[in-house]
N, C-alpha and C. Protein backbone atom coordinates (compact mmCIF):
# COMPACT_ATOMS: atom_id res chain seq x y z
N MET A 1 0.85 -1.18 0.00
CA MET A 1 0.00 0.00 0.00
C MET A 1 0.89 1.24 0.00
N ASN A 2 0.64 2.15 -0.90
CA ASN A 2 1.43 3.37 -0.99
C ASN A 2 0.92 4.41 0.00
N SER A 3 1.86 5.08 0.66
CA SER A 3 1.45 6.16 1.54
C SER A 3 1.22 7.41 0.71
N PRO A 4 0.27 8.26 1.14
CA PRO A 4 -0.02 9.45 0.34
C PRO A 4 1.20 10.37 0.31
N LYS A 5 1.40 11.00 -0.83
CA LYS A 5 2.51 11.92 -1.00
C LYS A 5 2.21 13.22 -0.26
N TYR A 6 3.21 13.73 0.44
CA TYR A 6 3.04 14.98 1.19
C TYR A 6 2.70 16.12 0.23
N GLN A 7 1.70 16.89 0.62
CA GLN A 7 1.35 18.09 -0.12
C GLN A 7 1.36 19.25 0.86
N PRO A 8 2.11 20.31 0.56
CA PRO A 8 2.13 21.45 1.47
C PRO A 8 0.76 22.10 1.55
N PRO A 9 0.48 22.78 2.67
CA PRO A 9 -0.83 23.42 2.80
C PRO A 9 -1.06 24.46 1.70
N LYS A 10 -2.29 24.57 1.29
CA LYS A 10 -2.68 25.55 0.28
C LYS A 10 -2.58 26.94 0.90
N SER A 11 -2.07 27.89 0.16
CA SER A 11 -1.97 29.27 0.65
C SER A 11 -3.35 29.84 0.91
N VAL A 12 -3.46 30.59 1.99
CA VAL A 12 -4.74 31.20 2.36
C VAL A 12 -4.98 32.42 1.49
N SER A 13 -6.16 32.47 0.93
CA SER A 13 -6.56 33.62 0.12
C SER A 13 -6.61 34.87 0.99
N PRO A 14 -6.14 36.00 0.47
CA PRO A 14 -6.19 37.24 1.26
C PRO A 14 -7.60 37.57 1.76
N SER A 15 -8.62 37.22 0.97
CA SER A 15 -9.99 37.52 1.39
C SER A 15 -10.46 36.63 2.54
N HIS A 16 -9.76 35.54 2.82
CA HIS A 16 -10.12 34.63 3.91
C HIS A 16 -9.25 34.83 5.15
N LYS A 17 -8.14 35.54 4.99
CA LYS A 17 -7.14 35.66 6.05
C LYS A 17 -7.71 36.27 7.32
N ALA A 18 -8.53 37.31 7.22
CA ALA A 18 -9.08 37.97 8.41
C ALA A 18 -10.00 37.02 9.18
N PHE A 19 -10.85 36.28 8.46
CA PHE A 19 -11.77 35.35 9.13
C PHE A 19 -11.01 34.21 9.80
N LEU A 20 -10.05 33.62 9.07
CA LEU A 20 -9.26 32.54 9.66
C LEU A 20 -8.44 33.06 10.84
N GLY A 21 -8.00 34.30 10.77
CA GLY A 21 -7.28 34.91 11.88
C GLY A 21 -8.14 35.02 13.13
N LYS A 22 -9.43 35.36 12.95
CA LYS A 22 -10.34 35.45 14.10
C LYS A 22 -10.56 34.07 14.73
N ILE A 23 -10.70 33.06 13.88
CA ILE A 23 -10.85 31.69 14.40
C ILE A 23 -9.58 31.31 15.16
N GLY A 24 -8.43 31.59 14.57
CA GLY A 24 -7.16 31.27 15.21
C GLY A 24 -6.98 31.98 16.54
N ASP A 25 -7.35 33.26 16.59
CA ASP A 25 -7.25 34.01 17.84
C ASP A 25 -8.10 33.37 18.93
N LYS A 26 -9.29 32.92 18.56
CA LYS A 26 -10.19 32.28 19.53
C LYS A 26 -9.61 30.95 20.00
N LEU A 27 -9.04 30.17 19.07
CA LEU A 27 -8.43 28.90 19.46
C LEU A 27 -7.26 29.13 20.41
N LYS A 28 -6.47 30.14 20.14
CA LYS A 28 -5.34 30.47 21.02
C LYS A 28 -5.82 30.89 22.40
N THR A 29 -6.87 31.71 22.43
CA THR A 29 -7.43 32.14 23.72
C THR A 29 -7.93 30.95 24.52
N LEU A 30 -8.66 30.04 23.86
CA LEU A 30 -9.16 28.84 24.56
C LEU A 30 -8.00 28.04 25.14
N ARG A 31 -6.95 27.88 24.36
CA ARG A 31 -5.78 27.10 24.82
C ARG A 31 -5.09 27.79 25.99
N GLU A 32 -4.86 29.08 25.86
CA GLU A 32 -4.14 29.81 26.90
C GLU A 32 -4.95 29.94 28.19
N GLU A 33 -6.27 30.08 28.08
CA GLU A 33 -7.12 30.14 29.28
C GLU A 33 -7.00 28.87 30.12
N ARG A 34 -6.68 27.77 29.46
CA ARG A 34 -6.55 26.49 30.16
C ARG A 34 -5.09 26.12 30.44
N ASN A 35 -4.19 27.05 30.14
CA ASN A 35 -2.76 26.84 30.36
C ASN A 35 -2.25 25.57 29.66
N LEU A 36 -2.69 25.38 28.43
CA LEU A 36 -2.28 24.21 27.65
C LEU A 36 -1.22 24.62 26.64
N THR A 37 -0.33 23.70 26.34
CA THR A 37 0.65 23.93 25.29
C THR A 37 0.18 23.27 24.01
N ILE A 38 0.74 23.74 22.91
CA ILE A 38 0.42 23.12 21.63
C ILE A 38 0.94 21.68 21.61
N SER A 39 2.09 21.45 22.24
CA SER A 39 2.63 20.09 22.31
C SER A 39 1.67 19.14 23.04
N PHE A 40 1.06 19.63 24.13
CA PHE A 40 0.10 18.81 24.86
C PHE A 40 -1.10 18.49 23.98
N LEU A 41 -1.61 19.50 23.27
CA LEU A 41 -2.76 19.27 22.40
C LEU A 41 -2.42 18.33 21.25
N GLU A 42 -1.18 18.36 20.80
CA GLU A 42 -0.75 17.43 19.76
C GLU A 42 -0.98 15.99 20.22
N SER A 43 -0.56 15.71 21.45
CA SER A 43 -0.73 14.34 21.95
C SER A 43 -2.18 14.01 22.27
N GLU A 44 -2.95 14.99 22.70
CA GLU A 44 -4.35 14.76 23.04
C GLU A 44 -5.24 14.62 21.81
N LEU A 45 -4.97 15.43 20.80
CA LEU A 45 -5.87 15.50 19.65
C LEU A 45 -5.33 14.84 18.38
N GLY A 46 -4.04 14.57 18.35
CA GLY A 46 -3.45 14.00 17.14
C GLY A 46 -3.31 15.00 16.01
N ILE A 47 -3.20 16.28 16.36
CA ILE A 47 -2.97 17.35 15.38
C ILE A 47 -1.54 17.82 15.59
N SER A 48 -0.75 17.87 14.53
CA SER A 48 0.65 18.24 14.69
C SER A 48 0.79 19.64 15.27
N ARG A 49 1.90 19.83 15.99
CA ARG A 49 2.18 21.15 16.57
C ARG A 49 2.22 22.21 15.48
N ASN A 50 2.86 21.89 14.37
CA ASN A 50 2.97 22.85 13.28
C ASN A 50 1.59 23.23 12.74
N SER A 51 0.75 22.24 12.50
CA SER A 51 -0.60 22.52 11.98
C SER A 51 -1.41 23.35 12.97
N TYR A 52 -1.35 22.97 14.24
CA TYR A 52 -2.13 23.72 15.25
C TYR A 52 -1.63 25.16 15.33
N SER A 53 -0.32 25.33 15.31
CA SER A 53 0.25 26.68 15.37
C SER A 53 -0.19 27.50 14.16
N LEU A 54 -0.16 26.90 12.99
CA LEU A 54 -0.58 27.61 11.78
C LEU A 54 -2.08 27.94 11.83
N MET A 55 -2.87 27.05 12.42
CA MET A 55 -4.31 27.34 12.58
C MET A 55 -4.50 28.55 13.49
N GLU A 56 -3.78 28.57 14.61
CA GLU A 56 -3.91 29.69 15.55
C GLU A 56 -3.52 31.01 14.90
N ARG A 57 -2.61 30.97 13.94
CA ARG A 57 -2.15 32.18 13.28
C ARG A 57 -2.95 32.50 12.02
N GLY A 58 -3.95 31.67 11.71
CA GLY A 58 -4.79 31.91 10.55
C GLY A 58 -4.07 31.75 9.22
N LEU A 59 -3.06 30.88 9.20
CA LEU A 59 -2.23 30.76 8.01
C LEU A 59 -2.51 29.52 7.16
N ILE A 60 -3.43 28.65 7.62
CA ILE A 60 -3.78 27.48 6.81
C ILE A 60 -5.28 27.25 6.85
N TYR A 61 -5.75 26.57 5.82
CA TYR A 61 -7.12 26.06 5.82
C TYR A 61 -7.13 24.76 6.61
N PHE A 62 -8.25 24.45 7.21
CA PHE A 62 -8.39 23.20 7.95
C PHE A 62 -9.80 22.69 7.76
N THR A 63 -10.00 21.43 8.05
CA THR A 63 -11.33 20.83 7.85
C THR A 63 -12.24 21.14 9.02
N THR A 64 -13.52 21.08 8.75
CA THR A 64 -14.49 21.26 9.84
C THR A 64 -14.34 20.13 10.86
N SER A 65 -13.99 18.94 10.41
CA SER A 65 -13.83 17.84 11.36
C SER A 65 -12.68 18.12 12.32
N THR A 66 -11.61 18.76 11.84
CA THR A 66 -10.51 19.14 12.73
C THR A 66 -10.98 20.18 13.74
N LEU A 67 -11.71 21.18 13.27
CA LEU A 67 -12.22 22.20 14.18
C LEU A 67 -13.18 21.59 15.20
N PHE A 68 -14.06 20.71 14.76
CA PHE A 68 -15.01 20.07 15.69
C PHE A 68 -14.29 19.20 16.70
N LYS A 69 -13.21 18.54 16.31
CA LYS A 69 -12.43 17.74 17.24
C LYS A 69 -11.87 18.63 18.35
N ILE A 70 -11.38 19.81 17.98
CA ILE A 70 -10.84 20.76 18.96
C ILE A 70 -11.96 21.27 19.86
N LEU A 71 -13.08 21.66 19.27
CA LEU A 71 -14.19 22.19 20.06
C LEU A 71 -14.77 21.13 20.99
N ASP A 72 -14.82 19.88 20.55
CA ASP A 72 -15.27 18.78 21.42
C ASP A 72 -14.33 18.65 22.61
N TYR A 73 -13.04 18.77 22.37
CA TYR A 73 -12.07 18.68 23.46
C TYR A 73 -12.35 19.76 24.51
N TYR A 74 -12.66 20.96 24.05
CA TYR A 74 -12.96 22.07 24.97
C TYR A 74 -14.40 22.06 25.47
N LYS A 75 -15.19 21.09 24.98
CA LYS A 75 -16.61 20.99 25.35
C LYS A 75 -17.35 22.29 25.03
N LEU A 76 -17.08 22.79 23.83
CA LEU A 76 -17.66 24.05 23.38
C LEU A 76 -18.45 23.80 22.10
N PRO A 77 -19.77 24.03 22.13
CA PRO A 77 -20.56 23.84 20.91
C PRO A 77 -20.12 24.82 19.82
N PRO A 78 -20.11 24.36 18.56
CA PRO A 78 -19.70 25.24 17.46
C PRO A 78 -20.49 26.54 17.41
N GLU A 79 -21.78 26.47 17.74
CA GLU A 79 -22.61 27.68 17.71
C GLU A 79 -22.06 28.73 18.67
N ASP A 80 -21.66 28.29 19.85
CA ASP A 80 -21.09 29.24 20.83
C ASP A 80 -19.75 29.77 20.37
N PHE A 81 -18.93 28.91 19.80
CA PHE A 81 -17.62 29.33 19.31
C PHE A 81 -17.77 30.43 18.26
N PHE A 82 -18.64 30.21 17.29
CA PHE A 82 -18.78 31.20 16.22
C PHE A 82 -19.58 32.43 16.66
N ARG A 83 -20.44 32.30 17.64
CA ARG A 83 -21.18 33.45 18.15
C ARG A 83 -20.20 34.47 18.75
N GLU A 84 -19.13 33.97 19.35
CA GLU A 84 -18.18 34.83 20.03
C GLU A 84 -17.14 35.43 19.09
N ILE A 85 -17.16 35.03 17.83
CA ILE A 85 -16.15 35.55 16.87
C ILE A 85 -16.63 36.83 16.24
């Protein structure tokens, strides 16, 4: 079985950067309020440190399933997360 070939993340469109930045800021706030490190979340969620860091900085696209996995960890409904953005 062949492993999938690595593909670098797609560049974020300038028109999406502000919105992804707001999501990232909220993710960072949630993490810092709980005194968690990105390394800890990597082991808890199975999301690489690099990917999580890029998400917090609004520099990559990510799937809704990844976001929901993070919100489930924080026990935060998506509606509440987006209401606060």
